N, C-alpha and C. Protein backbone atom coordinates (compact mmCIF):
# COMPACT_ATOMS: atom_id res chain seq x y z
N MET A 1 78.21 -139.25 232.98
CA MET A 1 79.06 -140.42 233.10
C MET A 1 80.47 -140.15 232.39
N SER A 2 81.48 -140.27 233.14
CA SER A 2 82.73 -139.98 232.63
C SER A 2 83.35 -141.07 231.74
N ARG A 3 84.22 -140.69 230.82
CA ARG A 3 84.69 -141.75 229.84
C ARG A 3 85.55 -142.77 230.58
N THR A 4 86.18 -142.40 231.64
CA THR A 4 86.90 -143.40 232.41
C THR A 4 86.05 -144.40 233.23
N GLU A 5 84.80 -144.13 233.40
CA GLU A 5 83.90 -145.10 233.96
C GLU A 5 83.28 -146.14 232.99
N MET A 6 83.47 -146.06 231.82
CA MET A 6 82.83 -146.94 230.82
C MET A 6 83.65 -148.31 230.96
N THR A 7 82.95 -149.35 230.57
CA THR A 7 83.48 -150.69 230.59
C THR A 7 83.54 -151.23 229.16
N THR A 8 84.14 -152.34 229.09
CA THR A 8 84.23 -153.07 227.71
C THR A 8 82.94 -153.84 227.32
N ALA A 9 82.02 -153.90 228.36
CA ALA A 9 80.81 -154.76 228.13
C ALA A 9 80.10 -154.09 226.92
N PRO A 10 79.68 -155.03 225.98
CA PRO A 10 78.93 -154.53 224.91
C PRO A 10 77.58 -153.87 225.24
N PRO A 11 77.25 -152.63 224.66
CA PRO A 11 76.13 -152.01 225.04
C PRO A 11 74.91 -152.73 224.25
N PRO A 12 73.68 -152.59 224.95
CA PRO A 12 72.54 -153.21 224.08
C PRO A 12 72.20 -152.50 222.83
N ASN A 13 72.46 -151.22 222.77
CA ASN A 13 72.22 -150.52 221.50
C ASN A 13 73.50 -149.62 221.24
N ARG A 14 74.24 -150.10 220.33
CA ARG A 14 75.49 -149.41 220.02
C ARG A 14 75.38 -147.80 219.80
N PHE A 15 74.44 -147.53 219.04
CA PHE A 15 74.27 -146.12 218.62
C PHE A 15 73.85 -145.27 219.77
N GLU A 16 72.92 -145.77 220.68
CA GLU A 16 72.50 -144.98 221.75
C GLU A 16 73.79 -144.89 222.74
N HIS A 17 74.56 -145.85 222.94
CA HIS A 17 75.70 -145.79 223.68
C HIS A 17 76.65 -144.83 223.09
N PHE A 18 76.91 -144.86 221.86
CA PHE A 18 77.69 -143.90 221.19
C PHE A 18 77.25 -142.48 221.46
N ASN A 19 75.96 -142.21 221.34
CA ASN A 19 75.40 -140.87 221.49
C ASN A 19 75.68 -140.35 222.89
N ARG A 20 75.53 -141.27 223.90
CA ARG A 20 75.71 -140.87 225.29
C ARG A 20 77.24 -140.45 225.45
N LEU A 21 78.09 -141.28 224.92
CA LEU A 21 79.61 -140.76 225.01
C LEU A 21 79.78 -139.57 224.32
N ILE A 22 79.26 -139.37 223.14
CA ILE A 22 79.51 -138.02 222.47
C ILE A 22 78.78 -136.87 223.25
N ASP A 23 77.71 -137.02 223.75
CA ASP A 23 77.10 -136.01 224.62
C ASP A 23 77.96 -135.68 225.87
N SER A 24 78.56 -136.58 226.39
CA SER A 24 79.48 -136.34 227.50
C SER A 24 80.65 -135.64 227.10
N ALA A 25 81.25 -136.13 226.02
CA ALA A 25 82.44 -135.29 225.46
C ALA A 25 82.13 -133.86 225.01
N ARG A 26 80.99 -133.64 224.53
CA ARG A 26 80.45 -132.29 224.12
C ARG A 26 80.53 -131.39 225.38
N GLN A 27 80.07 -131.95 226.59
CA GLN A 27 80.02 -131.09 227.85
C GLN A 27 81.42 -130.96 228.35
N GLU A 28 82.18 -132.02 228.27
CA GLU A 28 83.56 -132.03 228.79
C GLU A 28 84.57 -131.14 227.91
N GLN A 29 84.36 -131.16 226.49
CA GLN A 29 85.28 -130.53 225.68
C GLN A 29 84.49 -129.86 224.62
N PRO A 30 83.68 -128.77 224.89
CA PRO A 30 82.86 -128.18 223.82
C PRO A 30 83.72 -127.63 222.59
N ILE A 31 84.86 -127.33 222.81
CA ILE A 31 85.67 -126.72 221.64
C ILE A 31 85.87 -127.74 220.60
N TRP A 32 85.95 -129.09 221.04
CA TRP A 32 86.03 -130.09 219.97
C TRP A 32 84.92 -130.13 218.96
N PHE A 33 83.75 -129.60 219.39
CA PHE A 33 82.59 -129.61 218.47
C PHE A 33 82.17 -128.24 218.07
N ALA A 34 83.09 -127.22 218.11
CA ALA A 34 82.81 -125.86 217.79
C ALA A 34 82.58 -125.64 216.31
N LEU A 35 83.23 -126.47 215.43
CA LEU A 35 83.04 -126.28 213.98
C LEU A 35 81.71 -126.73 213.45
N GLU A 36 81.17 -126.10 212.52
CA GLU A 36 79.83 -126.43 211.96
C GLU A 36 79.87 -127.69 211.24
N PRO A 37 79.09 -128.75 211.62
CA PRO A 37 79.00 -129.94 210.87
C PRO A 37 78.29 -129.84 209.57
N ASP A 38 78.39 -130.83 208.74
CA ASP A 38 77.57 -130.88 207.51
C ASP A 38 76.18 -131.28 207.84
N GLN A 39 75.32 -131.04 206.79
CA GLN A 39 73.92 -131.36 206.93
C GLN A 39 73.62 -132.88 206.95
N PRO A 40 72.70 -133.30 207.67
CA PRO A 40 72.26 -134.72 207.59
C PRO A 40 71.64 -135.04 206.24
N PRO A 41 71.76 -136.16 205.71
CA PRO A 41 71.24 -136.43 204.34
C PRO A 41 69.74 -136.90 204.44
N SER A 42 69.16 -136.66 203.30
CA SER A 42 67.85 -137.17 203.04
C SER A 42 67.90 -138.58 202.61
N ALA A 43 66.77 -139.26 202.61
CA ALA A 43 66.70 -140.67 202.17
C ALA A 43 67.15 -140.72 200.67
N GLY A 44 66.78 -139.75 199.88
CA GLY A 44 67.18 -139.67 198.47
C GLY A 44 68.65 -139.50 198.31
N GLN A 45 69.29 -138.75 199.19
CA GLN A 45 70.82 -138.53 199.11
C GLN A 45 71.41 -139.89 199.50
N ILE A 46 70.95 -140.65 200.38
CA ILE A 46 71.49 -141.86 200.81
C ILE A 46 71.43 -142.91 199.63
N GLU A 47 70.22 -142.92 199.01
CA GLU A 47 69.92 -143.91 197.95
C GLU A 47 70.95 -143.45 196.77
N HIS A 48 71.10 -142.14 196.47
CA HIS A 48 71.96 -141.78 195.43
C HIS A 48 73.36 -142.19 195.63
N ALA A 49 73.82 -141.91 196.86
CA ALA A 49 75.17 -142.32 197.25
C ALA A 49 75.47 -143.71 197.03
N GLN A 50 74.55 -144.58 197.46
CA GLN A 50 74.74 -146.05 197.43
C GLN A 50 74.78 -146.48 195.98
N GLN A 51 74.01 -145.77 195.08
CA GLN A 51 73.94 -146.04 193.66
C GLN A 51 75.29 -145.62 192.97
N GLN A 52 75.82 -144.41 193.36
CA GLN A 52 77.09 -143.89 192.90
C GLN A 52 78.22 -144.82 193.24
N LEU A 53 78.28 -145.30 194.52
CA LEU A 53 79.26 -146.12 195.04
C LEU A 53 79.10 -147.59 194.71
N ASN A 54 77.99 -147.94 194.20
CA ASN A 54 77.65 -149.28 193.83
C ASN A 54 77.76 -150.27 195.01
N CYS A 55 77.25 -149.98 196.11
CA CYS A 55 77.30 -150.69 197.30
C CYS A 55 76.37 -150.09 198.36
N LEU A 56 75.93 -150.97 199.34
CA LEU A 56 75.18 -150.39 200.52
C LEU A 56 76.12 -150.05 201.58
N LEU A 57 75.81 -148.96 202.15
CA LEU A 57 76.75 -148.40 203.23
C LEU A 57 76.29 -149.05 204.55
N PRO A 58 77.26 -149.18 205.42
CA PRO A 58 76.98 -149.75 206.78
C PRO A 58 75.94 -149.00 207.57
N GLU A 59 75.19 -149.87 208.38
CA GLU A 59 74.12 -149.31 209.27
C GLU A 59 74.65 -148.21 210.12
N ASP A 60 75.75 -148.56 210.86
CA ASP A 60 76.37 -147.51 211.81
C ASP A 60 76.72 -146.27 211.13
N TYR A 61 77.29 -146.27 209.96
CA TYR A 61 77.62 -145.01 209.24
C TYR A 61 76.38 -144.27 208.94
N LEU A 62 75.41 -144.93 208.32
CA LEU A 62 74.11 -144.34 208.02
C LEU A 62 73.42 -143.69 209.32
N SER A 63 73.41 -144.39 210.36
CA SER A 63 72.88 -143.85 211.61
C SER A 63 73.61 -142.57 212.01
N PHE A 64 74.96 -142.66 211.86
CA PHE A 64 75.82 -141.55 212.31
C PHE A 64 75.51 -140.28 211.47
N ILE A 65 75.57 -140.51 210.09
CA ILE A 65 75.42 -139.20 209.26
C ILE A 65 73.91 -138.78 209.33
N SER A 66 73.00 -139.65 209.52
CA SER A 66 71.65 -139.24 209.71
C SER A 66 71.36 -138.32 210.94
N ARG A 67 72.13 -138.60 211.93
CA ARG A 67 71.96 -137.84 213.14
C ARG A 67 72.92 -136.52 213.12
N TYR A 68 74.26 -136.77 212.74
CA TYR A 68 75.33 -135.82 212.98
C TYR A 68 75.70 -135.11 211.71
N GLY A 69 75.23 -135.71 210.62
CA GLY A 69 75.68 -135.06 209.27
C GLY A 69 76.98 -135.39 208.72
N GLY A 70 77.95 -135.24 209.59
CA GLY A 70 79.40 -135.59 209.11
C GLY A 70 80.16 -134.25 208.99
N GLY A 71 81.22 -134.29 208.15
CA GLY A 71 82.15 -133.23 208.17
C GLY A 71 82.93 -133.13 209.34
N TYR A 72 83.18 -132.06 209.93
CA TYR A 72 83.95 -131.79 211.17
C TYR A 72 83.15 -132.57 212.29
N PHE A 73 83.92 -133.34 213.06
CA PHE A 73 83.28 -134.10 214.26
C PHE A 73 84.29 -134.36 215.18
N GLY A 74 84.20 -133.60 216.33
CA GLY A 74 85.11 -133.77 217.34
C GLY A 74 86.59 -133.45 216.77
N LEU A 75 87.47 -134.31 216.98
CA LEU A 75 88.85 -134.22 216.68
C LEU A 75 89.11 -134.80 215.25
N GLY A 76 88.03 -135.25 214.62
CA GLY A 76 88.26 -135.84 213.29
C GLY A 76 87.32 -135.29 212.19
N ILE A 77 87.27 -135.95 211.13
CA ILE A 77 86.23 -135.69 210.14
C ILE A 77 85.62 -136.96 209.62
N VAL A 78 84.44 -136.89 209.17
CA VAL A 78 83.73 -137.99 208.63
C VAL A 78 83.17 -137.51 207.26
N TYR A 79 83.39 -138.17 206.17
CA TYR A 79 82.78 -137.70 204.92
C TYR A 79 81.33 -137.87 205.02
N SER A 80 80.62 -136.91 204.42
CA SER A 80 79.15 -136.81 204.56
C SER A 80 78.53 -136.92 203.11
N LEU A 81 77.21 -136.77 202.98
CA LEU A 81 76.57 -136.75 201.76
C LEU A 81 76.10 -135.38 201.47
N ASP A 82 76.47 -134.34 202.24
CA ASP A 82 76.22 -133.00 201.92
C ASP A 82 76.95 -132.52 200.68
N GLU A 83 76.25 -132.26 199.63
CA GLU A 83 76.75 -131.76 198.39
C GLU A 83 77.60 -130.61 198.37
N ALA A 84 77.40 -129.79 199.28
CA ALA A 84 78.17 -128.51 199.43
C ALA A 84 79.44 -128.69 200.31
N SER A 85 79.66 -129.81 200.93
CA SER A 85 80.69 -130.04 201.75
C SER A 85 82.03 -130.29 201.08
N ASP A 86 83.21 -129.87 201.66
CA ASP A 86 84.51 -130.22 201.30
C ASP A 86 84.83 -131.77 201.59
N PHE A 87 83.85 -132.28 202.27
CA PHE A 87 84.08 -133.67 202.76
C PHE A 87 83.09 -134.63 202.24
N ASN A 88 82.59 -134.35 200.97
CA ASN A 88 81.49 -135.20 200.45
C ASN A 88 81.95 -136.48 200.07
N LEU A 89 81.24 -137.56 200.53
CA LEU A 89 81.63 -139.02 200.43
C LEU A 89 81.83 -139.29 198.92
N ILE A 90 80.95 -138.99 198.04
CA ILE A 90 80.96 -139.36 196.62
C ILE A 90 82.15 -138.81 195.98
N GLN A 91 82.29 -137.40 196.16
CA GLN A 91 83.44 -136.66 195.54
C GLN A 91 84.70 -137.28 196.06
N ARG A 92 84.85 -137.47 197.29
CA ARG A 92 86.19 -137.97 197.90
C ARG A 92 86.48 -139.38 197.36
N ASN A 93 85.44 -140.19 197.10
CA ASN A 93 85.76 -141.46 196.67
C ASN A 93 86.10 -141.47 195.11
N GLN A 94 85.52 -140.52 194.39
CA GLN A 94 85.90 -140.32 192.99
C GLN A 94 87.32 -139.87 192.85
N GLN A 95 87.74 -138.98 193.87
CA GLN A 95 89.10 -138.37 193.63
C GLN A 95 90.16 -139.49 194.01
N CYS A 96 89.82 -140.36 194.79
CA CYS A 96 90.82 -141.38 195.27
C CYS A 96 90.44 -142.78 194.54
N ALA A 97 89.72 -142.76 193.51
CA ALA A 97 89.14 -144.05 192.96
C ALA A 97 90.38 -145.04 192.60
N HIS A 98 91.57 -144.45 192.26
CA HIS A 98 92.72 -145.33 191.98
C HIS A 98 93.34 -145.96 193.15
N LEU A 99 92.89 -145.42 194.35
CA LEU A 99 93.42 -145.94 195.63
C LEU A 99 92.44 -146.83 196.48
N ARG A 100 91.17 -146.68 196.11
CA ARG A 100 90.16 -147.28 196.89
C ARG A 100 90.11 -148.75 196.90
N GLY A 101 90.41 -149.37 195.70
CA GLY A 101 90.35 -150.81 195.62
C GLY A 101 88.85 -151.22 195.95
N ALA A 102 88.62 -152.26 196.78
CA ALA A 102 87.37 -152.69 197.18
C ALA A 102 86.95 -152.04 198.44
N HIS A 103 87.01 -150.75 198.48
CA HIS A 103 86.71 -150.06 199.80
C HIS A 103 85.88 -148.77 199.48
N VAL A 104 85.07 -148.31 200.29
CA VAL A 104 84.44 -147.02 200.40
C VAL A 104 85.13 -146.17 201.36
N VAL A 105 85.81 -145.22 201.01
CA VAL A 105 86.63 -144.28 201.96
C VAL A 105 85.68 -143.28 202.63
N PHE A 106 85.69 -143.26 203.96
CA PHE A 106 84.86 -142.31 204.72
C PHE A 106 85.46 -141.35 205.53
N SER A 107 86.86 -141.34 205.48
CA SER A 107 87.68 -140.32 206.30
C SER A 107 89.10 -140.42 205.90
N ASP A 108 89.82 -139.49 206.38
CA ASP A 108 91.43 -139.52 206.20
C ASP A 108 91.93 -138.93 207.41
N ASN A 109 93.33 -139.01 207.50
CA ASN A 109 93.92 -138.49 208.60
C ASN A 109 94.67 -137.20 208.36
N GLY A 110 94.54 -136.70 207.20
CA GLY A 110 95.24 -135.45 206.79
C GLY A 110 96.68 -135.50 206.55
N CYS A 111 97.10 -136.77 206.50
CA CYS A 111 98.54 -137.00 206.31
C CYS A 111 98.72 -138.01 205.02
N GLY A 112 97.63 -138.21 204.32
CA GLY A 112 97.69 -139.07 203.22
C GLY A 112 97.16 -140.50 203.37
N ASP A 113 96.95 -140.82 204.55
CA ASP A 113 96.32 -142.23 204.84
C ASP A 113 94.76 -141.97 204.83
N LEU A 114 94.06 -143.09 204.34
CA LEU A 114 92.60 -143.05 204.33
C LEU A 114 92.01 -144.20 205.11
N TYR A 115 90.77 -143.96 205.61
CA TYR A 115 89.99 -144.85 206.32
C TYR A 115 88.77 -145.28 205.44
N GLY A 116 88.52 -146.60 205.54
CA GLY A 116 87.43 -147.06 204.63
C GLY A 116 86.79 -148.34 205.10
N PHE A 117 85.65 -148.63 204.51
CA PHE A 117 84.95 -149.82 204.75
C PHE A 117 85.18 -150.87 203.63
N PRO A 118 85.64 -152.05 203.90
CA PRO A 118 85.85 -153.09 202.78
C PRO A 118 84.40 -153.37 202.26
N ILE A 119 84.47 -153.65 200.94
CA ILE A 119 83.18 -154.04 200.13
C ILE A 119 83.14 -155.63 199.85
N SER A 120 82.07 -156.25 200.11
CA SER A 120 82.00 -157.66 199.81
C SER A 120 80.60 -157.80 199.30
N LYS A 121 80.45 -158.29 198.02
CA LYS A 121 79.21 -158.69 197.46
C LYS A 121 78.14 -157.42 197.47
N GLY A 122 78.75 -156.30 197.14
CA GLY A 122 77.84 -155.15 197.09
C GLY A 122 77.37 -154.56 198.42
N HIS A 123 78.09 -154.90 199.58
CA HIS A 123 77.73 -154.42 200.78
C HIS A 123 79.11 -153.96 201.50
N CYS A 124 79.08 -152.78 202.12
CA CYS A 124 80.21 -152.39 202.97
C CYS A 124 80.14 -153.32 204.23
N LEU A 125 81.33 -153.75 204.62
CA LEU A 125 81.45 -154.52 205.78
C LEU A 125 81.60 -153.40 206.98
N PRO A 126 81.12 -153.86 208.17
CA PRO A 126 81.16 -152.74 209.38
C PRO A 126 82.66 -152.55 209.77
N GLN A 127 83.54 -153.36 209.41
CA GLN A 127 84.97 -153.19 209.87
C GLN A 127 85.62 -151.97 209.21
N VAL A 128 86.71 -151.39 209.85
CA VAL A 128 87.30 -150.26 209.38
C VAL A 128 88.70 -150.78 208.86
N SER A 129 89.11 -150.25 207.69
CA SER A 129 90.45 -150.63 207.21
C SER A 129 91.10 -149.18 207.07
N ILE A 130 92.50 -149.31 206.94
CA ILE A 130 93.29 -148.08 206.67
C ILE A 130 94.11 -148.24 205.44
N TYR A 131 94.17 -147.29 204.62
CA TYR A 131 95.02 -147.25 203.46
C TYR A 131 96.31 -146.48 203.85
N LEU A 132 97.40 -147.13 203.88
CA LEU A 132 98.66 -146.41 204.35
C LEU A 132 99.39 -146.07 203.02
N HIS A 133 99.53 -144.70 202.86
CA HIS A 133 100.06 -144.18 201.67
C HIS A 133 101.57 -144.56 201.56
N ASP A 134 102.30 -144.79 202.66
CA ASP A 134 103.71 -145.16 202.61
C ASP A 134 103.93 -146.48 201.95
N ASN A 135 103.02 -147.46 202.13
CA ASN A 135 103.22 -148.72 201.47
C ASN A 135 102.12 -149.15 200.46
N ASP A 136 101.30 -148.13 200.11
CA ASP A 136 100.28 -148.21 199.03
C ASP A 136 99.37 -149.50 199.23
N SER A 137 99.01 -149.65 200.41
CA SER A 137 98.00 -150.91 200.54
C SER A 137 97.03 -150.60 201.73
N TRP A 138 95.98 -151.50 201.72
CA TRP A 138 94.99 -151.44 202.70
C TRP A 138 95.28 -152.56 203.72
N SER A 139 94.90 -152.20 205.03
CA SER A 139 95.07 -153.18 206.08
C SER A 139 93.97 -153.09 207.10
N PRO A 140 93.47 -154.13 207.74
CA PRO A 140 92.51 -154.01 208.71
C PRO A 140 92.94 -153.16 209.81
N LEU A 141 91.98 -152.33 210.31
CA LEU A 141 92.30 -151.44 211.41
C LEU A 141 91.55 -151.63 212.73
N ASP A 142 90.22 -151.71 212.49
CA ASP A 142 89.35 -151.93 213.74
C ASP A 142 88.15 -152.88 213.45
N ASP A 143 88.27 -154.03 213.90
CA ASP A 143 87.11 -155.05 213.62
C ASP A 143 85.95 -154.75 214.50
N ARG A 144 85.98 -153.92 215.37
CA ARG A 144 84.84 -153.48 216.28
C ARG A 144 83.95 -152.61 215.56
N GLY A 145 84.37 -151.98 214.40
CA GLY A 145 83.43 -151.15 213.66
C GLY A 145 83.60 -149.71 213.63
N PHE A 146 82.69 -149.09 212.83
CA PHE A 146 82.80 -147.68 212.64
C PHE A 146 82.56 -146.83 213.83
N LEU A 147 81.57 -147.12 214.68
CA LEU A 147 81.33 -146.31 215.85
C LEU A 147 82.47 -146.40 216.84
N HIS A 148 83.07 -147.60 217.07
CA HIS A 148 84.24 -147.79 218.00
C HIS A 148 85.35 -146.89 217.39
N PHE A 149 85.70 -147.10 216.12
CA PHE A 149 86.74 -146.42 215.44
C PHE A 149 86.53 -144.93 215.65
N LEU A 150 85.34 -144.38 215.46
CA LEU A 150 85.02 -142.91 215.57
C LEU A 150 85.23 -142.41 216.99
N LEU A 151 84.88 -143.21 217.93
CA LEU A 151 85.01 -142.69 219.30
C LEU A 151 86.56 -142.41 219.57
N GLY A 152 87.47 -143.38 219.04
CA GLY A 152 88.89 -143.21 219.18
C GLY A 152 89.40 -142.06 218.54
N GLN A 153 88.95 -141.81 217.29
CA GLN A 153 89.46 -140.66 216.50
C GLN A 153 88.84 -139.36 216.78
N SER A 154 87.58 -139.24 217.25
CA SER A 154 86.90 -137.92 217.34
C SER A 154 86.98 -137.48 218.79
N ILE A 155 86.93 -138.34 219.85
CA ILE A 155 86.90 -137.80 221.22
C ILE A 155 88.18 -138.51 221.93
N ASP A 156 88.91 -139.17 221.27
CA ASP A 156 90.13 -139.85 221.89
C ASP A 156 89.70 -140.71 222.96
N TYR A 157 88.53 -141.36 222.77
CA TYR A 157 87.93 -142.33 223.79
C TYR A 157 88.80 -143.69 223.87
N ARG A 158 88.94 -144.10 225.01
CA ARG A 158 89.58 -145.41 225.22
C ARG A 158 88.74 -146.15 226.22
N GLU A 159 88.50 -147.37 225.97
CA GLU A 159 87.67 -148.23 226.88
C GLU A 159 88.67 -148.64 227.94
N HIS A 160 88.04 -148.80 229.15
CA HIS A 160 88.66 -149.18 230.38
C HIS A 160 88.08 -150.54 230.89
N PRO A 161 88.93 -151.56 231.31
CA PRO A 161 88.40 -152.76 231.82
C PRO A 161 87.77 -152.59 233.14
């Protein structure tokens, strides 16, 4: 199934739909996935991360890292729970603690801007926000959630009507 054939109709299972699009992208552009990803986390690592960050991580993010691990992913990166990774979620959030505000940072664009989940009442919301370093503030970026955001960032996927 080519990316140009996809519609905007909501899939019955977002993560299965996401997996199909990623599998298709791997076949079409294997070079995008040539770098070694980080290791998927154990249940204990997930629990530890949520304790360290003092919030529950979103379901779609947990599904993603449990299957793909994180780190290098397509054309982007996703912070993982792999302790040996340069893209460790806990370490990255500690490094930018003065910028995070009420967010958990899960990625960056390599130019000083950060991507994060807003936190409300101890839970990460599924929406994606961006921290723009030029104006030192967070703004909503993608209300459709992490998986939709990641498709655009990692495989340059665009929905077609």
